[in-house]
Amino acid sequence: MSNQTPERFIPMKQIATDYPVLLIDNQAPIRELHNCVAERLNAVLHYLNLTACTSLPDYSENDINTVTNIARILLQDVRDVFAVIEKRGFDVPKGQ
């Protein structure tokens, strides 16, 4: 029998599905949560830097929508994981 509470796994925000399929383990070590956020933030920054270095005529409207959607998804992941980190970081028991 598991002693996990229902709140352990928090669904990530998603607009493509009606049922949450990606979950954040809010009991994961803070360092691992931070590594997850850092990886996504670095990826989206590198990706946006790459697209900023190319000229607009090189892109079709569909390409710009794709780039924007990829950045949105990665930043939404970052926001969701940061929310867990903040809750864990700010919910320190009194007396500590």
PDB file of N, CA and C in Angstrom:
ATOM      1  N   MET A   1       0.838  -1.173   0.000  1.00  0.00           N
ATOM      2  CA  MET A   1       0.000   0.000   0.000  1.00  0.00           C
ATOM      3  C   MET A   1       0.885   1.238   0.000  1.00  0.00           C
ATOM      4  N   SER A   2       0.585   2.180  -0.859  1.00  0.00           N
ATOM      5  CA  SER A   2       1.377   3.396  -1.002  1.00  0.00           C
ATOM      6  C   SER A   2       0.885   4.464  -0.039  1.00  0.00           C
ATOM      7  N   ASN A   3       1.849   5.266   0.466  1.00  0.00           N
ATOM      8  CA  ASN A   3       1.459   6.360   1.355  1.00  0.00           C
ATOM      9  C   ASN A   3       1.491   7.697   0.615  1.00  0.00           C
ATOM     10  N   GLN A   4       1.417   7.663  -0.718  1.00  0.00           N
ATOM     11  CA  GLN A   4       1.395   8.885  -1.500  1.00  0.00           C
ATOM     12  C   GLN A   4       0.025   9.555  -1.380  1.00  0.00           C
ATOM     13  N   THR A   5       0.049  10.863  -1.215  1.00  0.00           N
ATOM     14  CA  THR A   5      -1.206  11.600  -1.175  1.00  0.00           C
ATOM     15  C   THR A   5      -1.608  11.953  -2.596  1.00  0.00           C
ATOM     16  N   PRO A   6      -2.878  12.226  -2.837  1.00  0.00           N
ATOM     17  CA  PRO A   6      -3.310  12.582  -4.185  1.00  0.00           C
ATOM     18  C   PRO A   6      -2.637  13.852  -4.714  1.00  0.00           C
ATOM     19  N   GLU A   7      -2.171  14.713  -3.838  1.00  0.00           N
ATOM     20  CA  GLU A   7      -1.570  15.965  -4.257  1.00  0.00           C
ATOM     21  C   GLU A   7      -0.113  15.804  -4.689  1.00  0.00           C
ATOM     22  N   ARG A   8       0.446  14.631  -4.567  1.00  0.00           N
ATOM     23  CA  ARG A   8       1.862  14.459  -4.905  1.00  0.00           C
ATOM     24  C   ARG A   8       2.132  14.787  -6.367  1.00  0.00           C
ATOM     25  N   PHE A   9       1.272  14.366  -7.260  1.00  0.00           N
ATOM     26  CA  PHE A   9       1.472  14.592  -8.680  1.00  0.00           C
ATOM     27  C   PHE A   9       0.503  15.666  -9.158  1.00  0.00           C
ATOM     28  N   ILE A  10       1.079  16.762  -9.620  1.00  0.00           N
ATOM     29  CA  ILE A  10       0.307  17.919 -10.051  1.00  0.00           C
ATOM     30  C   ILE A  10       0.292  17.931 -11.582  1.00  0.00           C
ATOM     31  N   PRO A  11      -0.895  18.026 -12.186  1.00  0.00           N
ATOM     32  CA  PRO A  11      -0.930  18.054 -13.644  1.00  0.00           C
ATOM     33  C   PRO A  11      -0.336  19.348 -14.197  1.00  0.00           C
ATOM     34  N   MET A  12       0.392  19.199 -15.296  1.00  0.00           N
ATOM     35  CA  MET A  12       0.917  20.371 -15.992  1.00  0.00           C
ATOM     36  C   MET A  12      -0.217  20.961 -16.829  1.00  0.00           C
ATOM     37  N   LYS A  13      -0.151  22.251 -17.067  1.00  0.00           N
ATOM     38  CA  LYS A  13      -1.163  22.907 -17.899  1.00  0.00           C
ATOM     39  C   LYS A  13      -0.957  22.471 -19.344  1.00  0.00           C
ATOM     40  N   GLN A  14      -2.043  22.183 -20.006  1.00  0.00           N
ATOM     41  CA  GLN A  14      -1.961  21.813 -21.407  1.00  0.00           C
ATOM     42  C   GLN A  14      -3.263  22.193 -22.076  1.00  0.00           C
ATOM     43  N   ILE A  15      -3.158  22.569 -23.322  1.00  0.00           N
ATOM     44  CA  ILE A  15      -4.370  22.957 -24.042  1.00  0.00           C
ATOM     45  C   ILE A  15      -4.725  21.952 -25.136  1.00  0.00           C
ATOM     46  N   ALA A  16      -3.840  21.024 -25.415  1.00  0.00           N
ATOM     47  CA  ALA A  16      -4.074  20.078 -26.502  1.00  0.00           C
ATOM     48  C   ALA A  16      -4.910  18.876 -26.078  1.00  0.00           C
ATOM     49  N   THR A  17      -5.034  18.633 -24.781  1.00  0.00           N
ATOM     50  CA  THR A  17      -5.772  17.462 -24.310  1.00  0.00           C
ATOM     51  C   THR A  17      -6.761  17.868 -23.218  1.00  0.00           C
ATOM     52  N   ASP A  18      -7.788  17.059 -23.063  1.00  0.00           N
ATOM     53  CA  ASP A  18      -8.767  17.287 -21.997  1.00  0.00           C
ATOM     54  C   ASP A  18      -8.372  16.595 -20.706  1.00  0.00           C
ATOM     55  N   TYR A  19      -7.494  15.613 -20.807  1.00  0.00           N
ATOM     56  CA  TYR A  19      -7.074  14.819 -19.651  1.00  0.00           C
ATOM     57  C   TYR A  19      -5.599  15.083 -19.399  1.00  0.00           C
ATOM     58  N   PRO A  20      -5.213  15.401 -18.156  1.00  0.00           N
ATOM     59  CA  PRO A  20      -3.796  15.683 -17.891  1.00  0.00           C
ATOM     60  C   PRO A  20      -2.936  14.424 -18.043  1.00  0.00           C
ATOM     61  N   VAL A  21      -1.984  14.483 -18.951  1.00  0.00           N
ATOM     62  CA  VAL A  21      -1.108  13.335 -19.180  1.00  0.00           C
ATOM     63  C   VAL A  21       0.302  13.578 -18.667  1.00  0.00           C
ATOM     64  N   LEU A  22       0.670  14.837 -18.476  1.00  0.00           N
ATOM     65  CA  LEU A  22       1.991  15.167 -17.933  1.00  0.00           C
ATOM     66  C   LEU A  22       1.811  15.660 -16.503  1.00  0.00           C
ATOM     67  N   LEU A  23       2.578  15.069 -15.600  1.00  0.00           N
ATOM     68  CA  LEU A  23       2.440  15.386 -14.183  1.00  0.00           C
ATOM     69  C   LEU A  23       3.787  15.785 -13.599  1.00  0.00           C
ATOM     70  N   ILE A  24       3.757  16.648 -12.592  1.00  0.00           N
ATOM     71  CA  ILE A  24       4.957  17.051 -11.868  1.00  0.00           C
ATOM     72  C   ILE A  24       4.902  16.388 -10.497  1.00  0.00           C
ATOM     73  N   ASP A  25       5.982  15.712 -10.138  1.00  0.00           N
ATOM     74  CA  ASP A  25       6.098  15.109  -8.811  1.00  0.00           C
ATOM     75  C   ASP A  25       6.531  16.212  -7.849  1.00  0.00           C
ATOM     76  N   ASN A  26       5.590  16.700  -7.043  1.00  0.00           N
ATOM     77  CA  ASN A  26       5.933  17.816  -6.156  1.00  0.00           C
ATOM     78  C   ASN A  26       6.788  17.388  -4.970  1.00  0.00           C
ATOM     79  N   GLN A  27       7.117  16.102  -4.892  1.00  0.00           N
ATOM     80  CA  GLN A  27       8.029  15.636  -3.853  1.00  0.00           C
ATOM     81  C   GLN A  27       9.423  15.334  -4.414  1.00  0.00           C
ATOM     82  N   ALA A  28       9.613  15.616  -5.689  1.00  0.00           N
ATOM     83  CA  ALA A  28      10.937  15.420  -6.292  1.00  0.00           C
ATOM     84  C   ALA A  28      11.918  16.387  -5.634  1.00  0.00           C
ATOM     85  N   PRO A  29      13.189  16.018  -5.573  1.00  0.00           N
ATOM     86  CA  PRO A  29      14.176  16.935  -4.987  1.00  0.00           C
ATOM     87  C   PRO A  29      14.179  18.277  -5.726  1.00  0.00           C
ATOM     88  N   ILE A  30      14.322  19.346  -4.962  1.00  0.00           N
ATOM     89  CA  ILE A  30      14.335  20.697  -5.529  1.00  0.00           C
ATOM     90  C   ILE A  30      15.386  20.806  -6.633  1.00  0.00           C
ATOM     91  N   ARG A  31      16.548  20.204  -6.437  1.00  0.00           N
ATOM     92  CA  ARG A  31      17.600  20.268  -7.450  1.00  0.00           C
ATOM     93  C   ARG A  31      17.125  19.665  -8.767  1.00  0.00           C
ATOM     94  N   GLU A  32      16.387  18.563  -8.719  1.00  0.00           N
ATOM     95  CA  GLU A  32      15.884  17.926  -9.936  1.00  0.00           C
ATOM     96  C   GLU A  32      14.823  18.796 -10.606  1.00  0.00           C
ATOM     97  N   LEU A  33      13.961  19.405  -9.806  1.00  0.00           N
ATOM     98  CA  LEU A  33      12.973  20.325 -10.371  1.00  0.00           C
ATOM     99  C   LEU A  33      13.675  21.510 -11.034  1.00  0.00           C
ATOM    100  N   HIS A  34      14.694  22.030 -10.371  1.00  0.00           N
ATOM    101  CA  HIS A  34      15.459  23.143 -10.924  1.00  0.00           C
ATOM    102  C   HIS A  34      16.148  22.731 -12.222  1.00  0.00           C
ATOM    103  N   ASN A  35      16.738  21.549 -12.267  1.00  0.00           N
ATOM    104  CA  ASN A  35      17.397  21.066 -13.479  1.00  0.00           C
ATOM    105  C   ASN A  35      16.408  20.964 -14.643  1.00  0.00           C
ATOM    106  N   CYS A  36      15.199  20.523 -14.357  1.00  0.00           N
ATOM    107  CA  CYS A  36      14.154  20.422 -15.373  1.00  0.00           C
ATOM    108  C   CYS A  36      13.823  21.801 -15.934  1.00  0.00           C
ATOM    109  N   VAL A  37      13.660  22.776 -15.041  1.00  0.00           N
ATOM    110  CA  VAL A  37      13.352  24.144 -15.454  1.00  0.00           C
ATOM    111  C   VAL A  37      14.520  24.732 -16.247  1.00  0.00           C
ATOM    112  N   ALA A  38      15.725  24.552 -15.754  1.00  0.00           N
ATOM    113  CA  ALA A  38      16.901  25.112 -16.415  1.00  0.00           C
ATOM    114  C   ALA A  38      17.064  24.546 -17.826  1.00  0.00           C
ATOM    115  N   GLU A  39      16.841  23.257 -17.994  1.00  0.00           N
ATOM    116  CA  GLU A  39      16.969  22.634 -19.305  1.00  0.00           C
ATOM    117  C   GLU A  39      15.985  23.239 -20.297  1.00  0.00           C
ATOM    118  N   ARG A  40      14.745  23.413 -19.882  1.00  0.00           N
ATOM    119  CA  ARG A  40      13.730  23.973 -20.768  1.00  0.00           C
ATOM    120  C   ARG A  40      13.981  25.449 -21.068  1.00  0.00           C
ATOM    121  N   LEU A  41      14.355  26.206 -20.039  1.00  0.00           N
ATOM    122  CA  LEU A  41      14.630  27.622 -20.252  1.00  0.00           C
ATOM    123  C   LEU A  41      15.807  27.812 -21.191  1.00  0.00           C
ATOM    124  N   ASN A  42      16.872  27.063 -20.986  1.00  0.00           N
ATOM    125  CA  ASN A  42      18.031  27.162 -21.869  1.00  0.00           C
ATOM    126  C   ASN A  42      17.684  26.753 -23.299  1.00  0.00           C
ATOM    127  N   ALA A  43      16.881  25.719 -23.441  1.00  0.00           N
ATOM    128  CA  ALA A  43      16.484  25.271 -24.775  1.00  0.00           C
ATOM    129  C   ALA A  43      15.688  26.348 -25.502  1.00  0.00           C
ATOM    130  N   VAL A  44      14.713  26.934 -24.823  1.00  0.00           N
ATOM    131  CA  VAL A  44      13.887  27.947 -25.486  1.00  0.00           C
ATOM    132  C   VAL A  44      14.702  29.205 -25.779  1.00  0.00           C
ATOM    133  N   LEU A  45      15.623  29.569 -24.904  1.00  0.00           N
ATOM    134  CA  LEU A  45      16.463  30.740 -25.166  1.00  0.00           C
ATOM    135  C   LEU A  45      17.380  30.512 -26.364  1.00  0.00           C
ATOM    136  N   HIS A  46      18.000  29.344 -26.437  1.00  0.00           N
ATOM    137  CA  HIS A  46      18.853  29.024 -27.587  1.00  0.00           C
ATOM    138  C   HIS A  46      18.030  28.991 -28.879  1.00  0.00           C
ATOM    139  N   TYR A  47      16.859  28.423 -28.786  1.00  0.00           N
ATOM    140  CA  TYR A  47      15.978  28.318 -29.948  1.00  0.00           C
ATOM    141  C   TYR A  47      15.549  29.702 -30.434  1.00  0.00           C
ATOM    142  N   LEU A  48      15.161  30.563 -29.506  1.00  0.00           N
ATOM    143  CA  LEU A  48      14.747  31.918 -29.882  1.00  0.00           C
ATOM    144  C   LEU A  48      15.929  32.736 -30.391  1.00  0.00           C
ATOM    145  N   ASN A  49      17.118  32.535 -29.814  1.00  0.00           N
ATOM    146  CA  ASN A  49      18.309  33.214 -30.328  1.00  0.00           C
ATOM    147  C   ASN A  49      18.606  32.778 -31.766  1.00  0.00           C
ATOM    148  N   LEU A  50      18.457  31.498 -32.030  1.00  0.00           N
ATOM    149  CA  LEU A  50      18.671  30.986 -33.376  1.00  0.00           C
ATOM    150  C   LEU A  50      17.701  31.633 -34.359  1.00  0.00           C
ATOM    151  N   THR A  51      16.431  31.692 -33.988  1.00  0.00           N
ATOM    152  CA  THR A  51      15.443  32.273 -34.901  1.00  0.00           C
ATOM    153  C   THR A  51      15.632  33.782 -35.039  1.00  0.00           C
ATOM    154  N   ALA A  52      16.128  34.435 -34.004  1.00  0.00           N
ATOM    155  CA  ALA A  52      16.370  35.877 -34.081  1.00  0.00           C
ATOM    156  C   ALA A  52      17.517  36.207 -35.027  1.00  0.00           C
ATOM    157  N   CYS A  53      18.398  35.259 -35.266  1.00  0.00           N
ATOM    158  CA  CYS A  53      19.561  35.486 -36.130  1.00  0.00           C
ATOM    159  C   CYS A  53      19.266  35.220 -37.601  1.00  0.00           C
ATOM    160  N   THR A  54      18.059  34.806 -37.910  1.00  0.00           N
ATOM    161  CA  THR A  54      17.696  34.571 -39.298  1.00  0.00           C
ATOM    162  C   THR A  54      16.757  35.683 -39.752  1.00  0.00           C
ATOM    163  N   SER A  55      16.709  35.913 -41.034  1.00  0.00           N
ATOM    164  CA  SER A  55      15.858  36.996 -41.523  1.00  0.00           C
ATOM    165  C   SER A  55      14.431  36.503 -41.732  1.00  0.00           C
ATOM    166  N   LEU A  56      13.493  37.407 -41.560  1.00  0.00           N
ATOM    167  CA  LEU A  56      12.081  37.077 -41.652  1.00  0.00           C
ATOM    168  C   LEU A  56      11.677  36.495 -43.005  1.00  0.00           C
ATOM    169  N   PRO A  57      12.239  36.950 -44.141  1.00  0.00           N
ATOM    170  CA  PRO A  57      11.856  36.342 -45.421  1.00  0.00           C
ATOM    171  C   PRO A  57      12.186  34.848 -45.516  1.00  0.00           C
ATOM    172  N   ASP A  58      13.074  34.366 -44.632  1.00  0.00           N
ATOM    173  CA  ASP A  58      13.410  32.940 -44.645  1.00  0.00           C
ATOM    174  C   ASP A  58      12.284  32.071 -44.084  1.00  0.00           C
ATOM    175  N   TYR A  59      11.308  32.698 -43.449  1.00  0.00           N
ATOM    176  CA  TYR A  59      10.248  31.951 -42.764  1.00  0.00           C
ATOM    177  C   TYR A  59       8.917  32.082 -43.485  1.00  0.00           C
ATOM    178  N   SER A  60       8.166  31.041 -43.426  1.00  0.00           N
ATOM    179  CA  SER A  60       6.774  31.129 -43.855  1.00  0.00           C
ATOM    180  C   SER A  60       5.933  31.403 -42.609  1.00  0.00           C
ATOM    181  N   GLU A  61       4.695  31.760 -42.798  1.00  0.00           N
ATOM    182  CA  GLU A  61       3.804  32.029 -41.659  1.00  0.00           C
ATOM    183  C   GLU A  61       3.701  30.791 -40.760  1.00  0.00           C
ATOM    184  N   ASN A  62       3.661  29.620 -41.363  1.00  0.00           N
ATOM    185  CA  ASN A  62       3.574  28.375 -40.603  1.00  0.00           C
ATOM    186  C   ASN A  62       4.808  28.181 -39.726  1.00  0.00           C
ATOM    187  N   ASP A  63       5.990  28.533 -40.239  1.00  0.00           N
ATOM    188  CA  ASP A  63       7.224  28.397 -39.459  1.00  0.00           C
ATOM    189  C   ASP A  63       7.184  29.287 -38.220  1.00  0.00           C
ATOM    190  N   ILE A  64       6.729  30.510 -38.381  1.00  0.00           N
ATOM    191  CA  ILE A  64       6.660  31.441 -37.249  1.00  0.00           C
ATOM    192  C   ILE A  64       5.682  30.925 -36.204  1.00  0.00           C
ATOM    193  N   ASN A  65       4.556  30.384 -36.632  1.00  0.00           N
ATOM    194  CA  ASN A  65       3.594  29.804 -35.689  1.00  0.00           C
ATOM    195  C   ASN A  65       4.193  28.614 -34.945  1.00  0.00           C
ATOM    196  N   THR A  66       4.974  27.804 -35.662  1.00  0.00           N
ATOM    197  CA  THR A  66       5.619  26.644 -35.034  1.00  0.00           C
ATOM    198  C   THR A  66       6.624  27.079 -33.980  1.00  0.00           C
ATOM    199  N   VAL A  67       7.465  28.053 -34.316  1.00  0.00           N
ATOM    200  CA  VAL A  67       8.454  28.565 -33.366  1.00  0.00           C
ATOM    201  C   VAL A  67       7.764  29.133 -32.135  1.00  0.00           C
ATOM    202  N   THR A  68       6.720  29.907 -32.359  1.00  0.00           N
ATOM    203  CA  THR A  68       5.981  30.510 -31.249  1.00  0.00           C
ATOM    204  C   THR A  68       5.348  29.440 -30.365  1.00  0.00           C
ATOM    205  N   ASN A  69       4.783  28.416 -30.969  1.00  0.00           N
ATOM    206  CA  ASN A  69       4.132  27.357 -30.200  1.00  0.00           C
ATOM    207  C   ASN A  69       5.141  26.554 -29.388  1.00  0.00           C
ATOM    208  N   ILE A  70       6.300  26.265 -29.973  1.00  0.00           N
ATOM    209  CA  ILE A  70       7.347  25.539 -29.237  1.00  0.00           C
ATOM    210  C   ILE A  70       7.787  26.355 -28.022  1.00  0.00           C
ATOM    211  N   ALA A  71       8.029  27.643 -28.221  1.00  0.00           N
ATOM    212  CA  ALA A  71       8.432  28.509 -27.108  1.00  0.00           C
ATOM    213  C   ALA A  71       7.343  28.551 -26.037  1.00  0.00           C
ATOM    214  N   ARG A  72       6.087  28.640 -26.456  1.00  0.00           N
ATOM    215  CA  ARG A  72       4.976  28.687 -25.499  1.00  0.00           C
ATOM    216  C   ARG A  72       4.901  27.414 -24.660  1.00  0.00           C
ATOM    217  N   ILE A  73       5.035  26.267 -25.309  1.00  0.00           N
ATOM    218  CA  ILE A  73       4.962  24.987 -24.585  1.00  0.00           C
ATOM    219  C   ILE A  73       6.106  24.875 -23.580  1.00  0.00           C
ATOM    220  N   LEU A  74       7.315  25.186 -24.009  1.00  0.00           N
ATOM    221  CA  LEU A  74       8.464  25.092 -23.098  1.00  0.00           C
ATOM    222  C   LEU A  74       8.333  26.077 -21.936  1.00  0.00           C
ATOM    223  N   LEU A  75       7.900  27.290 -22.233  1.00  0.00           N
ATOM    224  CA  LEU A  75       7.751  28.275 -21.148  1.00  0.00           C
ATOM    225  C   LEU A  75       6.608  27.912 -20.214  1.00  0.00           C
ATOM    226  N   GLN A  76       5.564  27.283 -20.719  1.00  0.00           N
ATOM    227  CA  GLN A  76       4.473  26.826 -19.846  1.00  0.00           C
ATOM    228  C   GLN A  76       4.988  25.745 -18.902  1.00  0.00           C
ATOM    229  N   ASP A  77       5.813  24.818 -19.425  1.00  0.00           N
ATOM    230  CA  ASP A  77       6.430  23.803 -18.567  1.00  0.00           C
ATOM    231  C   ASP A  77       7.250  24.463 -17.469  1.00  0.00           C
ATOM    232  N   VAL A  78       8.052  25.455 -17.852  1.00  0.00           N
ATOM    233  CA  VAL A  78       8.885  26.167 -16.876  1.00  0.00           C
ATOM    234  C   VAL A  78       8.008  26.804 -15.806  1.00  0.00           C
ATOM    235  N   ARG A  79       6.946  27.473 -16.228  1.00  0.00           N
ATOM    236  CA  ARG A  79       6.056  28.127 -15.277  1.00  0.00           C
ATOM    237  C   ARG A  79       5.448  27.122 -14.300  1.00  0.00           C
ATOM    238  N   ASP A  80       5.004  25.978 -14.813  1.00  0.00           N
ATOM    239  CA  ASP A  80       4.377  24.968 -13.961  1.00  0.00           C
ATOM    240  C   ASP A  80       5.357  24.397 -12.940  1.00  0.00           C
ATOM    241  N   VAL A  81       6.577  24.112 -13.373  1.00  0.00           N
ATOM    242  CA  VAL A  81       7.574  23.561 -12.443  1.00  0.00           C
ATOM    243  C   VAL A  81       8.018  24.634 -11.449  1.00  0.00           C
ATOM    244  N   PHE A  82       8.175  25.872 -11.921  1.00  0.00           N
ATOM    245  CA  PHE A  82       8.505  26.958 -10.990  1.00  0.00           C
ATOM    246  C   PHE A  82       7.433  27.101  -9.912  1.00  0.00           C
ATOM    247  N   ALA A  83       6.178  26.911 -10.252  1.00  0.00           N
ATOM    248  CA  ALA A  83       5.103  27.008  -9.267  1.00  0.00           C
ATOM    249  C   ALA A  83       5.295  25.985  -8.144  1.00  0.00           C
ATOM    250  N   VAL A  84       5.727  24.768  -8.516  1.00  0.00           N
ATOM    251  CA  VAL A  84       5.992  23.735  -7.508  1.00  0.00           C
ATOM    252  C   VAL A  84       7.202  24.119  -6.662  1.00  0.00           C
ATOM    253  N   ILE A  85       8.266  24.604  -7.305  1.00  0.00           N
ATOM    254  CA  ILE A  85       9.468  25.023  -6.572  1.00  0.00           C
ATOM    255  C   ILE A  85       9.127  26.144  -5.602  1.00  0.00           C
ATOM    256  N   GLU A  86       8.360  27.129  -6.063  1.00  0.00           N
ATOM    257  CA  GLU A  86       7.986  28.251  -5.197  1.00  0.00           C
ATOM    258  C   GLU A  86       7.151  27.783  -4.016  1.00  0.00           C
ATOM    259  N   LYS A  87       6.192  26.916  -4.273  1.00  0.00           N
ATOM    260  CA  LYS A  87       5.357  26.407  -3.180  1.00  0.00           C
ATOM    261  C   LYS A  87       6.206  25.666  -2.164  1.00  0.00           C
ATOM    262  N   ARG A  88       7.114  24.832  -2.644  1.00  0.00           N
ATOM    263  CA  ARG A  88       7.989  24.091  -1.740  1.00  0.00           C
ATOM    264  C   ARG A  88       8.929  25.026  -1.006  1.00  0.00           C
ATOM    265  N   GLY A  89       9.438  26.037  -1.692  1.00  0.00           N
ATOM    266  CA  GLY A  89      10.400  26.958  -1.082  1.00  0.00           C
ATOM    267  C   GLY A  89       9.772  27.904  -0.098  1.00  0.00           C
ATOM    268  N   PHE A  90       8.523  28.301  -0.342  1.00  0.00           N
ATOM    269  CA  PHE A  90       7.878  29.280   0.514  1.00  0.00           C
ATOM    270  C   PHE A  90       7.059  28.626   1.632  1.00  0.00           C
ATOM    271  N   ASP A  91       6.745  27.353   1.519  1.00  0.00           N
ATOM    272  CA  ASP A  91       5.990  26.666   2.551  1.00  0.00           C
ATOM    273  C   ASP A  91       6.927  26.012   3.561  1.00  0.00           C
ATOM    274  N   VAL A  92       7.734  26.819   4.219  1.00  0.00           N
ATOM    275  CA  VAL A  92       8.678  26.325   5.227  1.00  0.00           C
ATOM    276  C   VAL A  92       7.950  26.322   6.564  1.00  0.00           C
ATOM    277  N   PRO A  93       8.004  25.211   7.299  1.00  0.00           N
ATOM    278  CA  PRO A  93       7.341  25.165   8.594  1.00  0.00           C
ATOM    279  C   PRO A  93       7.846  26.265   9.521  1.00  0.00           C
ATOM    280  N   LYS A  94       6.952  26.793  10.342  1.00  0.00           N
ATOM    281  CA  LYS A  94       7.337  27.844  11.288  1.00  0.00           C
ATOM    282  C   LYS A  94       8.357  27.298  12.269  1.00  0.00           C
ATOM    283  N   GLY A  95       9.298  28.173  12.656  1.00  0.00           N
ATOM    284  CA  GLY A  95      10.334  27.771  13.587  1.00  0.00           C
ATOM    285  C   GLY A  95      11.602  27.318  12.899  1.00  0.00           C
ATOM    286  N   GLN A  96      11.594  27.325  11.561  1.00  0.00           N
ATOM    287  CA  GLN A  96      12.818  26.934  10.831  1.00  0.00           C
ATOM    288  C   GLN A  96      13.432  28.130  10.160  1.00  0.00           C
TER     289      GLN A  96
END
